[in-house]
């Protein structure tokens, strides 16, 4: 009669108890690393807005983040890599902010949702908006037209074009104008309002103006 196959011995309670704290420590270390990295990026974002790229030294970022300079270098090799990370995070956050708007089925409501979500993002990330505007005024291509920002802007532009085109097809917008031109007009309104808001020092929530922009876009500026 064949012998039953032998089973590996069950881990002892002592072994299991040793593994659980080890996993917990690893999880805690990862959370701490993420927290340090986010703190460094938040500090860099603010300094970039106030000082520009050239004056945002690693030591200054460390001081603003409340960590040692060596800690910053543990995460980023230098200013270039740190700036890349700031802009990459900006792109990812903007995409995540716009995602709910894109699920709106009605194209006109979707347009309003896109503008509102975009402005809410700017309201919540004023430093990034200041980076863009400050360096665009200076003609600094390093900060004003970074590839991650270009990707984020391209994402918004494509969403506006597709939604305007859909609104034209549904009869909600006139269809005798090229959707590229019509969506470009809306983009111009958004950009102009954004610049004016920054010039006033961001004195009111930008998202509150989404309805006004859409009203001007739909009805024009003539007297009803």
Protein backbone atom coordinates (compact mmCIF):
# COMPACT_ATOMS: atom_id res chain seq x y z
CA UNK A 1 0.00 0.00 0.00
CA UNK A 2 1.58 3.34 -1.07
CA UNK A 3 2.47 5.78 1.64
CA UNK A 4 0.62 9.06 1.63
CA UNK A 5 2.59 11.96 0.17
CA UNK A 6 4.39 13.86 2.82
CA UNK A 7 3.24 17.43 3.43
CA UNK A 8 5.62 20.28 4.16
CA UNK A 9 5.60 21.19 7.81
CA UNK A 10 3.30 24.05 8.72
CA UNK A 11 5.11 27.21 9.77
CA UNK A 12 5.34 27.54 13.47
CA UNK A 13 3.53 30.43 15.17
CA UNK A 14 6.91 31.95 15.95
CA UNK A 15 7.90 31.96 12.25
CA UNK A 16 4.60 33.53 11.19
CA UNK A 17 4.87 36.19 13.85
CA UNK A 18 8.35 37.09 12.61
CA UNK A 19 7.14 37.46 9.00
CA UNK A 20 4.20 39.70 9.83
CA UNK A 21 6.28 42.45 11.51
CA UNK A 22 8.76 42.25 8.61
CA UNK A 23 5.99 42.92 6.09
CA UNK A 24 4.62 45.70 8.28
CA UNK A 25 8.05 47.33 8.48
CA UNK A 26 8.43 47.14 4.70
CA UNK A 27 5.02 48.73 4.22
CA UNK A 28 5.88 51.47 6.70
CA UNK A 29 9.20 52.18 4.97
CA UNK A 30 7.41 52.54 1.63
CA UNK A 31 4.86 54.93 3.12
CA UNK A 32 7.65 57.01 4.62
CA UNK A 33 9.52 57.12 1.30
CA UNK A 34 6.38 58.27 -0.47
CA UNK A 35 5.72 60.91 2.20
CA UNK A 36 9.29 62.25 1.97
CA UNK A 37 9.14 62.34 -1.82
CA UNK A 38 5.81 64.18 -1.83
CA UNK A 39 7.10 66.69 0.73
CA UNK A 40 10.17 67.37 -1.42
CA UNK A 41 8.06 67.80 -4.56
CA UNK A 42 5.64 70.14 -2.75
CA UNK A 43 8.56 72.27 -1.54
CA UNK A 44 10.16 72.32 -5.00
CA UNK A 45 6.87 73.33 -6.60
CA UNK A 46 6.53 76.35 -4.34
CA UNK A 47 10.15 77.44 -4.76
CA UNK A 48 10.03 77.08 -8.54
CA UNK A 49 7.04 79.39 -8.62
CA UNK A 50 8.68 82.04 -6.44
CA UNK A 51 12.29 81.84 -7.60
CA UNK A 52 12.43 80.14 -10.99
CA UNK A 53 14.52 77.15 -11.98
CA UNK A 54 17.99 78.65 -11.67
CA UNK A 55 17.46 79.85 -8.10
CA UNK A 56 15.76 76.70 -6.84
CA UNK A 57 18.78 75.05 -5.25
CA UNK A 58 18.64 71.57 -3.77
CA UNK A 59 19.62 72.95 -0.36
CA UNK A 60 16.72 75.40 -0.46
CA UNK A 61 14.30 72.63 -1.38
CA UNK A 62 15.61 70.56 1.54
CA UNK A 63 15.13 73.45 3.96
CA UNK A 64 11.59 74.11 2.72
CA UNK A 65 10.72 70.40 2.97
CA UNK A 66 12.21 70.11 6.45
CA UNK A 67 14.73 67.43 5.50
CA UNK A 68 18.50 67.22 5.08
CA UNK A 69 20.01 68.10 1.71
CA UNK A 70 21.35 64.57 1.46
CA UNK A 71 17.80 63.25 1.76
CA UNK A 72 16.77 65.23 -1.32
CA UNK A 73 19.68 63.70 -3.23
CA UNK A 74 18.52 60.26 -2.12
CA UNK A 75 15.44 60.82 -4.28
CA UNK A 76 16.69 63.11 -7.07
CA UNK A 77 20.14 63.43 -8.62
CA UNK A 78 19.82 67.19 -9.17
CA UNK A 79 17.65 70.13 -10.20
CA UNK A 80 16.84 68.71 -13.63
CA UNK A 81 15.51 65.43 -12.31
CA UNK A 82 13.61 67.18 -9.54
CA UNK A 83 11.97 69.56 -12.00
CA UNK A 84 11.10 66.64 -14.28
CA UNK A 85 9.35 64.95 -11.36
CA UNK A 86 7.39 68.11 -10.48
CA UNK A 87 6.11 68.46 -14.04
CA UNK A 88 5.36 64.75 -14.40
CA UNK A 89 3.28 64.89 -11.24
CA UNK A 90 1.48 67.93 -12.62
CA UNK A 91 0.58 66.03 -15.79
CA UNK A 92 -0.71 63.01 -13.89
CA UNK A 93 -2.75 65.13 -11.49
CA UNK A 94 -4.36 67.06 -14.33
CA UNK A 95 -5.30 63.87 -16.15
CA UNK A 96 -6.84 62.47 -12.97
CA UNK A 97 -8.75 65.72 -12.39
CA UNK A 98 -10.26 65.67 -15.90
CA UNK A 99 -11.23 61.98 -15.87
CA UNK A 100 -14.65 62.48 -14.19
CA UNK A 101 -15.58 65.22 -16.67
CA UNK A 102 -14.99 62.92 -19.64
CA UNK A 103 -17.63 60.49 -18.39
CA UNK A 104 -20.39 63.09 -18.87
CA UNK A 105 -22.58 61.91 -21.76
CA UNK A 106 -24.10 65.25 -22.82
CA UNK A 107 -21.46 67.22 -24.79
CA UNK A 108 -22.45 70.67 -23.49
CA UNK A 109 -22.46 69.51 -19.88
CA UNK A 110 -19.13 67.82 -20.61
CA UNK A 111 -17.67 71.10 -21.89
CA UNK A 112 -18.68 72.84 -18.69
CA UNK A 113 -17.30 69.94 -16.64
CA UNK A 114 -13.97 70.09 -18.49
CA UNK A 115 -13.59 73.84 -17.90
CA UNK A 116 -14.69 73.52 -14.27
CA UNK A 117 -12.30 70.62 -13.56
CA UNK A 118 -9.46 72.45 -15.28
CA UNK A 119 -10.03 75.58 -13.21
CA UNK A 120 -10.39 73.56 -10.01
CA UNK A 121 -7.01 72.03 -10.76
CA UNK A 122 -5.48 75.49 -11.14
CA UNK A 123 -7.19 76.65 -7.93
CA UNK A 124 -5.63 73.75 -6.08
CA UNK A 125 -2.19 74.04 -7.70
CA UNK A 126 -1.61 77.77 -7.89
CA UNK A 127 2.17 77.32 -7.69
CA UNK A 128 2.17 75.33 -10.93
CA UNK A 129 0.09 78.01 -12.63
CA UNK A 130 2.54 80.64 -11.43
CA UNK A 131 5.48 78.62 -12.78
CA UNK A 132 3.91 78.49 -16.20
CA UNK A 133 2.88 82.14 -16.39
CA UNK A 134 6.03 83.58 -14.83
CA UNK A 135 8.34 81.77 -17.18
CA UNK A 136 6.19 82.22 -20.24
CA UNK A 137 6.48 85.97 -19.66
CA UNK A 138 10.25 85.60 -19.45
CA UNK A 139 10.41 83.47 -22.56
CA UNK A 140 11.89 80.57 -20.60
CA UNK A 141 11.22 77.42 -22.62
CA UNK A 142 12.62 75.28 -19.80
CA UNK A 143 9.73 76.00 -17.47
CA UNK A 144 7.03 77.47 -19.67
CA UNK A 145 6.85 74.68 -22.24
CA UNK A 146 8.00 71.49 -20.66
CA UNK A 147 7.10 68.28 -22.50
CA UNK A 148 4.96 67.01 -19.60
CA UNK A 149 3.00 70.26 -19.58
CA UNK A 150 2.69 70.08 -23.35
CA UNK A 151 1.28 66.57 -22.99
CA UNK A 152 -1.23 67.77 -20.39
CA UNK A 153 -2.29 70.72 -22.56
CA UNK A 154 -2.57 68.42 -25.58
CA UNK A 155 -4.84 66.13 -23.56
CA UNK A 156 -7.15 69.05 -22.72
CA UNK A 157 -7.08 70.35 -26.29
CA UNK A 158 -8.07 66.99 -27.76
CA UNK A 159 -10.88 66.66 -25.21
CA UNK A 160 -12.22 70.11 -26.15
CA UNK A 161 -12.04 69.43 -29.89
CA UNK A 162 -13.80 66.07 -29.60
CA UNK A 163 -16.51 67.48 -27.33
CA UNK A 164 -17.14 70.56 -29.49
CA UNK A 165 -17.39 68.33 -32.55
CA UNK A 166 -19.89 66.10 -30.76
CA UNK A 167 -21.91 69.14 -29.67
CA UNK A 168 -22.01 70.32 -33.29
CA UNK A 169 -23.20 66.93 -34.47
CA UNK A 170 -25.96 66.95 -31.86
CA UNK A 171 -27.14 70.42 -32.87
CA UNK A 172 -26.18 72.07 -29.58
CA UNK A 173 -23.57 74.22 -31.36
CA UNK A 174 -23.56 75.67 -34.86
CA UNK A 175 -21.93 73.33 -37.35
CA UNK A 176 -20.84 75.81 -40.02
CA UNK A 177 -17.52 76.45 -38.26
CA UNK A 178 -14.61 74.03 -38.18
CA UNK A 179 -14.50 72.33 -34.75
CA UNK A 180 -10.78 73.11 -34.54
CA UNK A 181 -11.51 76.83 -34.86
CA UNK A 182 -14.47 76.71 -32.52
CA UNK A 183 -12.62 74.78 -29.82
CA UNK A 184 -9.67 77.15 -30.32
CA UNK A 185 -11.98 80.06 -29.51
CA UNK A 186 -12.98 78.37 -26.28
CA UNK A 187 -9.33 77.65 -25.46
CA UNK A 188 -8.57 81.33 -26.01
CA UNK A 189 -11.31 82.35 -23.58
CA UNK A 190 -9.98 79.91 -21.00
CA UNK A 191 -6.40 81.13 -21.40
CA UNK A 192 -7.35 84.81 -21.29
CA UNK A 193 -9.40 84.31 -18.13
CA UNK A 194 -6.58 82.34 -16.57
CA UNK A 195 -4.02 85.08 -17.26
CA UNK A 196 -6.36 87.80 -16.00
CA UNK A 197 -6.99 85.78 -12.84
CA UNK A 198 -3.25 85.45 -12.20
CA UNK A 199 -2.70 89.15 -12.81
CA UNK A 200 -5.29 89.91 -10.13
CA UNK A 201 -3.38 87.64 -7.77
CA UNK A 202 -5.86 84.78 -7.90
CA UNK A 203 -8.26 86.76 -5.75
CA UNK A 204 -11.27 84.45 -6.23
CA UNK A 205 -11.85 80.78 -7.02
CA UNK A 206 -11.28 80.36 -10.73
CA UNK A 207 -13.71 77.44 -10.99
CA UNK A 208 -16.60 79.79 -10.18
CA UNK A 209 -16.08 81.45 -13.57
CA UNK A 210 -16.59 78.32 -15.66
CA UNK A 211 -20.27 79.08 -16.28
CA UNK A 212 -19.49 82.63 -17.45
CA UNK A 213 -16.91 81.39 -19.94
CA UNK A 214 -19.32 78.83 -21.37
CA UNK A 215 -22.05 81.47 -21.58
CA UNK A 216 -19.82 83.83 -23.56
CA UNK A 217 -18.72 80.93 -25.76
CA UNK A 218 -22.28 79.86 -26.50
CA UNK A 219 -24.03 83.24 -26.71
CA UNK A 220 -21.27 85.65 -27.65
CA UNK A 221 -20.80 89.10 -26.15
CA UNK A 222 -23.66 90.85 -27.90
CA UNK A 223 -26.68 92.17 -26.05
CA UNK A 224 -29.49 89.58 -25.93
